[in-house]
Each structure stands twice: as C-alpha cells, then as structure tokens.
Amino acid sequence: MSSLLPSRRASIVLAAGGTGGHLFPAEALARELLARGFDVAIHTERRGAQYAQALAGIEHVVLPASSLEGGVVAKARAALTILHGLLASRRDLKRRGVALVVGFGGYPSFAPALAAKSLGLPLLLHEQATRLSKANAQLLRFANGLATSFPVVAGAEGIDAAKIVETGNPVRRAILEARGDYPAFDAHGPLRLLVVGGSQSAAVFGRVVPPALALLPEPLRHRLHLSLQYRGEDADALVAQLRDACIDAVVRPFFDDMGERLREAHLVVTRAGATTAADLLTIGRPAIFVPLPHGGAREEQRRNAQTLAQAGVGWHLPEAELTPESLARVLREAFDSPTRLPEAARAAAALGRPDAAARLADAVERLLPAP
C-alpha cells in the first residue's frame, strides 16, 4: 500500500465503459482506493448493470451515453445524449466534491472526463490495450497523465512522455488469488487445455476446436483434459464428438471458477482482449490468440495478439486462418516441445503486473491536488 496517504478523505470518480474490459480494471482500482481510505464512485452506462455483482460495495452511477457513429441524424442524437451525460456527471462530481477523475476508455467515459475538465479537475487516463482507444485518443489533449498497460502504446504521441507511467492493467481479486507456478509439463503427464472467448467466440470455437483435437495423435488425445466455454444449443453433441475422440472434456456456457482453470491450464485458446491478456499475464499462462475479426475491437485485438506473440507469450492465429488443421498444427507444435510452453509461460509472467492496481493508485495519488 502506498505511503502517499492523503490528509483528508478525498473523493475520486472512475469513468468506464459498460463492458468488462473497461469495468474490471476500474473495479480493481476502486477497491484499492477504498482500502486506502478514499471515497470512490464509478460513472458508467446502462450496460454496466450486468456487472452489478462484480461492483458490489462500490457506488456506481449510470449515465446517458452514446457512440458518435452513424449518419448525421444519428450523430446529432448521440451528441445530445453525450451532453445530457456530461451535465449529469458534472452535477454528481460537484455534489461529491470530487478531487480527480480517472478515465478507463469506452465512449461512456467521454462525458465524465469532459465534465472533470469543465470543473478544472485533474484527469488521468488508463489505457488497457497496446494502442489508445478512440475515446482515450480524443481525450488525451485534456489529460494530466496517462497510465498504460504495456511499455509501448501506439497513439500516445500527443502527450508529454513525462506524464506517461506504465502501471499494467488491474485485474480482479479472483485472478490475483489464482497465481501459481506453471503446472508440471512432461512427455507423459496430463495436458490441460482451456478454450474461452465469450459469447462472440462460441460459434467459431465450438465449430473448430473439437475436430482440431480429433486430428491429434491418439496418445496425445488420451492425455488431454479440455475445458471449453460454449453457449451453443448443441453442447451435448460437442461432448459426444469429443468423447468419440477419447478426449476428456468439460463443456459449459460459463466457468465461475475461471481463475482456478487458468491456473491449472498448460495452454489457453482465447480472444485477445485487454482484460483477457491481463489475466493471462498476471497468472503467467501461454495462449493461442484468435482476435475478433470484426467490430470495433478488431484492430485492438489484432495488435494485442501480435504484441504478445512477438513477446513469446504464445501464438497469433487470425480467425480467417483458423481451421481444424491449422489449430491442430499449432497444438502439436506446443505440446510436442518440452520447452516451448514453459518458456512461453515465463514470458507471460515477466510481462504480468500483479501490482497494477497499487501502481495505478499511486499514479492517482501523485496527481491529487494538495489539500
């Protein structure tokens, strides 16, 4: 815990988009700041309500928010929504006597960040990915500081280098508690493969992973223990397909013990979102990264996957190239080498920042105005 304890109980607001990628780091920082004696609230939008359990014990305010995308009419409506959010956030910041705002990206963070600057409050931005998000890039000119999750972040050229600090990406307590040594890996022992990726990944992973595993040599299949996150209605058919291939498998729509499964895994097949990357690096596990091929997160995930693969943490396998044959080939490469996976695990752990929440809280304290 930092020695920079304030002489008064300062109030801090964290502004975050309504997805886990933005809210989970905000939640981790909120709990660290609460432990240090600060008053903390999170400004988010309606999608954040689905994380009410994760935010238990943390006051959060739901604001109007919208993305400035689409045609002229859509953008005009969005601008009006953002203005309403800005005014609501400004009222709440004044009511709380907030001393500083931390923005975690996502378009819902835009209004609180602008509200902070309209009140003359310091603004600290946190970037989870290897390139500044659109929101953070647009807010950079107003920021008093930028905290990054990686040593190098593209798009951060618009701020004085002296204002940039690498803190890492704060992770949930369950992930911190799951840290442990890489599981024993030898030529005859069990091989634990974890496949996760959220709802957008269910179809492609469910379609490709079982036939890919069936292509592996029989001795390898007998050693495999698969945990597959899959939300499709044909989950029972997948289990039968895996059983026919002599593969021990657990197929569930959701794993509530994700930290434990990550700790036990020798290898993970997953998307390349910033929160996923932070979890893997904190625990120190190698992965095959399959970035989302479409949507707003496409470019961010591609960059994350490339950066991590180049750092030796695992493999980057674009979805356009993801077939049973290509996945089986990478799995053979990983499992057949006695050193490849342990080395990748060490590379992941070397990039991990288990103290990211504390480091980010220190950055917050350094920017606080003198009482």
Protein backbone atom coordinates (compact mmCIF):
# COMPACT_ATOMS: atom_id res chain seq x y z
CA MET A 1 0.00 0.00 0.00
CA SER A 2 1.25 3.46 -0.84
CA SER A 3 2.73 5.76 1.79
CA LEU A 4 1.20 8.73 -0.04
CA LEU A 5 -1.90 8.70 2.19
CA PRO A 6 -3.96 11.89 1.90
CA SER A 7 -4.51 14.17 4.85
CA ARG A 8 -8.23 14.22 4.03
CA ARG A 9 -10.66 11.66 2.71
CA ALA A 10 -10.61 12.71 -0.95
CA SER A 11 -13.34 11.73 -3.40
CA ILE A 12 -12.39 10.13 -6.72
CA VAL A 13 -14.60 9.13 -9.65
CA LEU A 14 -13.67 6.42 -12.15
CA ALA A 15 -15.28 6.69 -15.60
CA ALA A 16 -15.59 3.45 -17.55
CA GLY A 17 -17.46 1.95 -20.47
CA GLY A 18 -20.08 -0.67 -19.72
CA THR A 19 -18.06 -3.71 -20.83
CA GLY A 20 -15.89 -5.96 -18.69
CA GLY A 21 -12.77 -4.78 -20.48
CA HIS A 22 -13.28 -1.30 -19.04
CA LEU A 23 -15.19 -2.05 -15.83
CA PHE A 24 -13.00 -4.82 -14.39
CA PRO A 25 -9.85 -2.63 -14.23
CA ALA A 26 -11.96 0.19 -12.80
CA GLU A 27 -13.36 -2.16 -10.17
CA ALA A 28 -9.85 -3.31 -9.20
CA LEU A 29 -8.65 0.28 -8.82
CA ALA A 30 -11.79 1.24 -6.90
CA ARG A 31 -11.17 -1.48 -4.32
CA GLU A 32 -7.53 -0.44 -3.95
CA LEU A 33 -8.51 3.21 -3.45
CA LEU A 34 -11.25 2.28 -0.98
CA ALA A 35 -8.67 0.32 1.01
CA ARG A 36 -6.53 3.47 1.10
CA GLY A 37 -9.36 5.50 2.61
CA PHE A 38 -10.71 7.34 -0.43
CA ASP A 39 -14.33 7.88 -1.34
CA VAL A 40 -14.84 6.23 -4.74
CA ALA A 41 -17.66 6.06 -7.26
CA ILE A 42 -17.80 4.70 -10.81
CA HIS A 43 -19.56 6.53 -13.63
CA THR A 44 -20.68 4.08 -16.32
CA GLU A 45 -23.68 3.40 -18.58
CA ARG A 46 -26.60 1.00 -18.62
CA ARG A 47 -24.60 -2.00 -19.88
CA GLY A 48 -22.59 -1.81 -16.68
CA ALA A 49 -25.65 -3.03 -14.76
CA GLN A 50 -24.85 -6.60 -15.82
CA TYR A 51 -21.72 -6.37 -13.64
CA ALA A 52 -23.62 -5.35 -10.51
CA GLN A 53 -22.29 -8.39 -8.63
CA ALA A 54 -18.68 -7.53 -9.52
CA LEU A 55 -19.27 -3.94 -8.40
CA ALA A 56 -20.85 -4.95 -5.08
CA GLY A 57 -19.83 -2.49 -2.39
CA ILE A 58 -18.76 0.16 -4.92
CA GLU A 59 -21.10 3.07 -5.56
CA HIS A 60 -21.78 3.46 -9.26
CA VAL A 61 -23.77 5.97 -11.26
CA VAL A 62 -25.44 5.12 -14.58
CA LEU A 63 -25.24 7.98 -17.08
CA PRO A 64 -26.72 8.53 -20.55
CA ALA A 65 -24.11 7.57 -23.15
CA SER A 66 -23.88 7.07 -26.89
CA SER A 67 -21.29 6.49 -29.58
CA LEU A 68 -20.70 9.19 -32.22
CA GLU A 69 -21.20 6.80 -35.11
CA GLY A 70 -23.65 6.57 -37.98
CA GLY A 71 -25.16 9.25 -40.18
CA VAL A 72 -25.83 12.91 -39.49
CA VAL A 73 -29.09 12.28 -37.62
CA ALA A 74 -27.56 9.51 -35.51
CA LYS A 75 -24.58 11.68 -34.64
CA ALA A 76 -26.83 14.58 -33.67
CA ARG A 77 -28.83 12.34 -31.35
CA ALA A 78 -25.62 10.91 -29.91
CA ALA A 79 -24.23 14.40 -29.28
CA LEU A 80 -27.38 15.32 -27.39
CA THR A 81 -27.13 12.15 -25.31
CA ILE A 82 -23.48 12.87 -24.51
CA LEU A 83 -24.41 16.41 -23.47
CA HIS A 84 -27.03 15.03 -21.09
CA GLY A 85 -24.43 12.63 -19.71
CA LEU A 86 -21.90 15.44 -19.30
CA LEU A 87 -24.36 17.60 -17.37
CA ALA A 88 -25.44 14.69 -15.16
CA SER A 89 -21.83 13.74 -14.48
CA ARG A 90 -20.89 17.35 -13.75
CA ARG A 91 -23.69 17.64 -11.18
CA ASP A 92 -22.55 14.44 -9.49
CA LEU A 93 -18.88 15.49 -9.45
CA LYS A 94 -19.82 18.80 -7.79
CA ARG A 95 -22.13 17.08 -5.29
CA ARG A 96 -19.37 14.70 -4.22
CA GLY A 97 -16.65 17.33 -4.14
CA VAL A 98 -14.54 15.12 -6.40
CA ALA A 99 -10.80 15.82 -6.46
CA LEU A 100 -9.83 13.76 -9.55
CA VAL A 101 -11.33 11.64 -12.34
CA VAL A 102 -9.79 8.51 -13.88
CA GLY A 103 -10.99 7.54 -17.37
CA PHE A 104 -10.80 3.91 -18.48
CA GLY A 105 -11.90 4.36 -22.07
CA GLY A 106 -15.05 3.44 -23.91
CA TYR A 107 -17.42 6.12 -25.17
CA PRO A 108 -19.29 6.30 -21.80
CA SER A 109 -16.08 7.67 -20.23
CA PHE A 110 -16.19 10.71 -22.51
CA ALA A 111 -18.85 12.72 -20.66
CA PRO A 112 -17.34 12.32 -17.14
CA ALA A 113 -13.89 13.19 -18.47
CA LEU A 114 -15.16 16.38 -20.12
CA ALA A 115 -17.18 17.19 -17.01
CA ALA A 116 -13.99 16.90 -14.96
CA LYS A 117 -12.13 19.32 -17.20
CA SER A 118 -15.04 21.78 -17.17
CA LEU A 119 -14.65 21.88 -13.38
CA GLY A 120 -10.87 22.21 -13.51
CA LEU A 121 -10.27 18.73 -12.06
CA PRO A 122 -7.21 16.61 -12.88
CA LEU A 123 -7.87 13.82 -15.40
CA LEU A 124 -5.86 10.60 -15.50
CA LEU A 125 -6.46 8.21 -18.41
CA HIS A 126 -5.80 4.48 -18.24
CA GLU A 127 -5.26 2.53 -21.46
CA GLN A 128 -5.73 -1.23 -21.33
CA ALA A 129 -4.59 -2.08 -24.88
CA THR A 130 -1.43 -1.69 -26.96
CA ARG A 131 -2.99 1.25 -28.83
CA LEU A 132 -5.02 4.14 -27.46
CA SER A 133 -8.75 3.59 -27.73
CA LYS A 134 -10.77 6.12 -29.71
CA ALA A 135 -12.12 7.70 -26.53
CA ASN A 136 -8.72 7.98 -24.87
CA ALA A 137 -7.13 9.31 -28.06
CA GLN A 138 -9.72 12.09 -28.23
CA LEU A 139 -9.37 12.89 -24.52
CA LEU A 140 -5.58 12.85 -24.49
CA ARG A 141 -5.33 16.63 -25.04
CA PHE A 142 -7.22 17.19 -21.76
CA ALA A 143 -5.33 14.62 -19.68
CA ASN A 144 -2.90 15.40 -16.88
CA GLY A 145 -1.48 11.90 -17.08
CA LEU A 146 -1.66 8.61 -18.98
CA ALA A 147 -1.27 5.20 -17.36
CA THR A 148 -0.52 2.33 -19.74
CA SER A 149 -0.73 -1.44 -19.54
CA PHE A 150 2.22 -2.10 -21.84
CA PRO A 151 5.68 -0.50 -22.12
CA VAL A 152 4.85 0.93 -25.56
CA VAL A 153 1.39 2.15 -26.56
CA ALA A 154 0.67 3.38 -30.08
CA GLY A 155 -1.13 6.69 -30.42
CA ALA A 156 0.25 8.22 -27.21
CA GLU A 157 2.44 10.72 -29.03
CA GLY A 158 0.08 13.58 -28.15
CA ILE A 159 1.12 13.77 -24.50
CA ASP A 160 4.39 14.67 -22.80
CA ALA A 161 6.37 11.48 -22.18
CA ALA A 162 6.95 12.65 -18.60
CA LYS A 163 3.21 12.30 -18.00
CA ILE A 164 3.13 8.62 -19.03
CA VAL A 165 3.53 5.85 -16.48
CA GLU A 166 3.35 2.10 -17.12
CA THR A 167 1.18 0.58 -14.41
CA GLY A 168 -0.13 -2.58 -16.03
CA ASN A 169 -3.82 -3.43 -16.28
CA PRO A 170 -5.51 -4.04 -12.89
CA VAL A 171 -7.20 -7.44 -12.61
CA ARG A 172 -9.89 -8.91 -10.39
CA ARG A 173 -9.07 -10.34 -6.98
CA ALA A 174 -10.01 -13.86 -8.16
CA ILE A 175 -7.27 -13.67 -10.79
CA LEU A 176 -4.67 -12.46 -8.29
CA GLU A 177 -5.57 -15.30 -5.95
CA ALA A 178 -5.12 -17.82 -8.81
CA ARG A 179 -1.44 -17.02 -9.33
CA GLY A 180 0.85 -20.01 -9.02
CA ASP A 181 3.66 -21.97 -10.61
CA TYR A 182 3.20 -23.31 -14.12
CA PRO A 183 1.82 -26.88 -13.84
CA ALA A 184 4.20 -29.79 -14.32
CA PHE A 185 4.77 -30.43 -18.01
CA ASP A 186 6.35 -33.63 -19.32
CA ALA A 187 6.02 -36.14 -22.15
CA HIS A 188 3.58 -38.44 -20.35
CA GLY A 189 1.56 -36.30 -17.93
CA PRO A 190 -1.85 -34.71 -18.40
CA LEU A 191 -2.29 -31.73 -20.72
CA ARG A 192 -4.90 -29.19 -19.67
CA LEU A 193 -6.31 -27.03 -22.45
CA LEU A 194 -8.68 -24.15 -21.70
CA VAL A 195 -10.76 -22.63 -24.51
CA VAL A 196 -12.66 -19.44 -23.68
CA GLY A 197 -13.77 -16.39 -25.56
CA GLY A 198 -17.20 -15.11 -24.58
CA SER A 199 -20.46 -15.17 -26.49
CA GLN A 200 -18.98 -13.85 -29.74
CA SER A 201 -16.47 -16.71 -29.76
CA ALA A 202 -18.83 -19.58 -29.06
CA ALA A 203 -19.71 -20.45 -32.64
CA VAL A 204 -16.22 -20.47 -34.14
CA PHE A 205 -14.52 -22.20 -31.22
CA GLY A 206 -17.27 -24.80 -30.98
CA ARG A 207 -17.01 -25.42 -34.71
CA VAL A 208 -13.20 -25.67 -34.94
CA VAL A 209 -11.84 -26.96 -31.62
CA PRO A 210 -13.41 -30.47 -31.45
CA PRO A 211 -12.38 -31.53 -34.99
CA ALA A 212 -8.94 -29.99 -34.44
CA LEU A 213 -8.41 -32.10 -31.33
CA ALA A 214 -9.63 -35.19 -33.18
CA LEU A 215 -6.74 -34.69 -35.64
CA LEU A 216 -4.14 -35.03 -32.88
CA PRO A 217 -2.30 -38.35 -32.43
CA GLU A 218 -4.15 -40.81 -30.21
CA PRO A 219 -1.54 -40.80 -27.38
CA LEU A 220 -1.83 -37.02 -27.19
CA ARG A 221 -5.63 -37.13 -27.17
CA HIS A 222 -5.59 -39.54 -24.24
CA ARG A 223 -3.58 -37.03 -22.22
CA LEU A 224 -5.85 -34.07 -22.97
CA HIS A 225 -8.22 -32.54 -20.44
CA LEU A 226 -10.31 -29.88 -22.16
CA SER A 227 -12.35 -27.07 -20.59
CA LEU A 228 -14.44 -25.45 -23.33
CA GLN A 229 -16.64 -22.42 -22.79
CA TYR A 230 -19.51 -22.83 -25.22
CA ARG A 231 -23.02 -21.34 -25.21
CA GLY A 232 -24.47 -23.14 -28.23
CA GLU A 233 -27.54 -25.37 -28.08
CA ASP A 234 -25.54 -28.29 -29.49
CA ALA A 235 -23.21 -28.55 -26.48
CA ASP A 236 -24.23 -32.18 -25.88
CA ALA A 237 -23.28 -33.04 -29.45
CA LEU A 238 -19.85 -31.47 -28.93
CA VAL A 239 -19.33 -33.50 -25.77
CA ALA A 240 -20.22 -36.68 -27.68
CA GLN A 241 -17.85 -35.71 -30.51
CA LEU A 242 -15.03 -35.17 -28.02
CA ARG A 243 -15.82 -38.42 -26.22
CA ASP A 244 -15.62 -40.32 -29.51
CA ALA A 245 -12.13 -38.85 -29.96
CA CYS A 246 -11.16 -40.16 -26.48
CA ILE A 247 -10.83 -36.63 -25.07
CA ASP A 248 -11.84 -35.84 -21.51
CA ALA A 249 -13.88 -32.63 -21.75
CA VAL A 250 -15.96 -30.24 -19.68
CA VAL A 251 -18.22 -28.04 -21.83
CA ARG A 252 -20.10 -25.25 -20.07
CA PRO A 253 -21.65 -21.92 -21.06
CA PHE A 254 -19.76 -20.19 -18.26
CA PHE A 255 -16.99 -21.06 -15.80
CA ASP A 256 -17.46 -19.42 -12.41
CA ASP A 257 -14.05 -20.78 -11.36
CA MET A 258 -12.12 -19.15 -14.21
CA GLY A 259 -9.17 -18.22 -12.03
CA GLU A 260 -8.67 -21.82 -10.96
CA ARG A 261 -8.99 -23.12 -14.52
CA LEU A 262 -6.44 -20.59 -15.74
CA ARG A 263 -4.03 -21.65 -13.01
CA GLU A 264 -4.36 -25.33 -13.95
CA ALA A 265 -4.10 -24.75 -17.73
CA HIS A 266 -0.99 -25.60 -19.72
CA LEU A 267 -2.35 -23.65 -22.70
CA VAL A 268 -5.30 -21.34 -23.39
CA VAL A 269 -7.11 -20.71 -26.68
CA THR A 270 -8.81 -17.34 -26.47
CA ARG A 271 -9.57 -13.95 -27.95
CA ALA A 272 -7.09 -11.12 -27.43
CA GLY A 273 -8.99 -8.51 -25.46
CA ALA A 274 -7.05 -6.38 -22.99
CA THR A 275 -8.66 -7.92 -19.90
CA THR A 276 -8.04 -11.45 -21.17
CA ALA A 277 -4.41 -10.54 -21.84
CA ALA A 278 -4.00 -9.03 -18.38
CA ASP A 279 -5.46 -12.14 -16.73
CA LEU A 280 -3.13 -14.43 -18.66
CA LEU A 281 -0.04 -12.33 -17.96
CA THR A 282 -0.87 -11.98 -14.27
CA ILE A 283 -1.19 -15.74 -13.84
CA GLY A 284 1.57 -16.44 -16.37
CA ARG A 285 -0.04 -18.75 -18.91
CA PRO A 286 0.69 -19.14 -22.65
CA ALA A 287 -2.07 -18.82 -25.22
CA ILE A 288 -3.13 -19.17 -28.81
CA PHE A 289 -4.72 -15.79 -29.57
CA VAL A 290 -7.58 -15.63 -32.09
CA PRO A 291 -8.55 -11.93 -32.32
CA LEU A 292 -12.09 -10.86 -33.10
CA PRO A 293 -12.29 -10.48 -36.90
CA HIS A 294 -14.89 -7.71 -36.91
CA GLY A 295 -16.37 -4.90 -34.87
CA GLY A 296 -14.81 -2.00 -33.01
CA ALA A 297 -12.39 -4.24 -31.08
CA ARG A 298 -10.93 -5.89 -34.19
CA GLU A 299 -7.86 -3.69 -34.59
CA GLU A 300 -7.19 -3.53 -30.85
CA GLN A 301 -7.27 -7.31 -30.51
CA ARG A 302 -5.10 -7.82 -33.58
CA ARG A 303 -2.44 -5.52 -32.14
CA ASN A 304 -2.66 -7.20 -28.74
CA ALA A 305 -2.25 -10.65 -30.30
CA GLN A 306 0.70 -9.57 -32.42
CA THR A 307 2.44 -7.87 -29.50
CA LEU A 308 2.03 -10.86 -27.19
CA ALA A 309 3.06 -13.38 -29.84
CA GLN A 310 6.18 -11.35 -30.63
CA ALA A 311 6.97 -11.26 -26.90
CA GLY A 312 6.96 -15.07 -26.83
CA VAL A 313 3.73 -15.42 -24.85
CA GLY A 314 2.11 -17.65 -27.47
CA TRP A 315 0.73 -17.72 -30.99
CA HIS A 316 -1.32 -15.31 -33.10
CA LEU A 317 -3.81 -17.24 -35.25
CA PRO A 318 -6.18 -14.94 -37.19
CA GLU A 319 -9.74 -16.26 -37.43
CA ALA A 320 -9.51 -16.16 -41.24
CA GLU A 321 -6.78 -18.79 -40.92
CA LEU A 322 -8.44 -20.76 -38.11
CA THR A 323 -9.30 -24.26 -39.33
CA PRO A 324 -9.18 -27.65 -37.61
CA GLU A 325 -5.95 -28.34 -39.50
CA SER A 326 -4.23 -25.04 -38.60
CA LEU A 327 -5.22 -25.27 -34.94
CA ALA A 328 -4.11 -28.90 -34.72
CA ARG A 329 -0.76 -27.90 -36.22
CA VAL A 330 -0.18 -25.19 -33.59
CA LEU A 331 -1.28 -27.51 -30.79
CA ARG A 332 1.19 -30.15 -31.97
CA GLU A 333 3.94 -27.52 -32.05
CA ALA A 334 3.11 -26.50 -28.49
CA PHE A 335 2.61 -29.92 -26.95
CA ASP A 336 5.42 -31.79 -28.73
CA SER A 337 8.15 -29.45 -27.49
CA PRO A 338 9.37 -29.98 -23.92
CA THR A 339 10.37 -26.31 -23.62
CA ARG A 340 8.01 -24.20 -25.76
CA LEU A 341 5.11 -23.92 -23.30
CA PRO A 342 7.20 -23.45 -20.12
CA GLU A 343 9.21 -20.75 -21.89
CA ALA A 344 6.02 -19.02 -23.06
CA ALA A 345 4.66 -19.18 -19.51
CA ARG A 346 7.80 -17.46 -18.21
CA ALA A 347 7.48 -14.79 -20.91
CA ALA A 348 3.87 -14.18 -19.89
CA ALA A 349 4.73 -13.91 -16.20
CA ALA A 350 7.55 -11.49 -16.99
CA LEU A 351 5.04 -9.14 -18.63
CA GLY A 352 2.46 -9.54 -15.87
CA ARG A 353 1.82 -6.74 -13.39
CA PRO A 354 0.07 -8.29 -10.38
CA ASP A 355 0.58 -4.99 -8.54
CA ALA A 356 -1.11 -2.97 -11.31
CA ALA A 357 -3.94 -1.72 -9.09
CA ALA A 358 -1.46 -0.46 -6.50
CA ARG A 359 0.73 1.15 -9.15
CA LEU A 360 -2.28 2.86 -10.71
CA ALA A 361 -3.49 4.05 -7.30
CA ASP A 362 -0.03 5.55 -6.70
CA ALA A 363 -0.36 7.42 -10.00
CA VAL A 364 -3.75 8.71 -8.86
CA GLU A 365 -2.30 9.99 -5.59
CA ARG A 366 0.55 11.77 -7.33
CA LEU A 367 -1.97 13.76 -9.40
CA LEU A 368 -4.22 14.71 -6.49
CA PRO A 369 -4.29 18.43 -5.76
CA ALA A 370 -2.69 19.43 -2.47
CA PRO A 371 -5.31 19.56 0.31
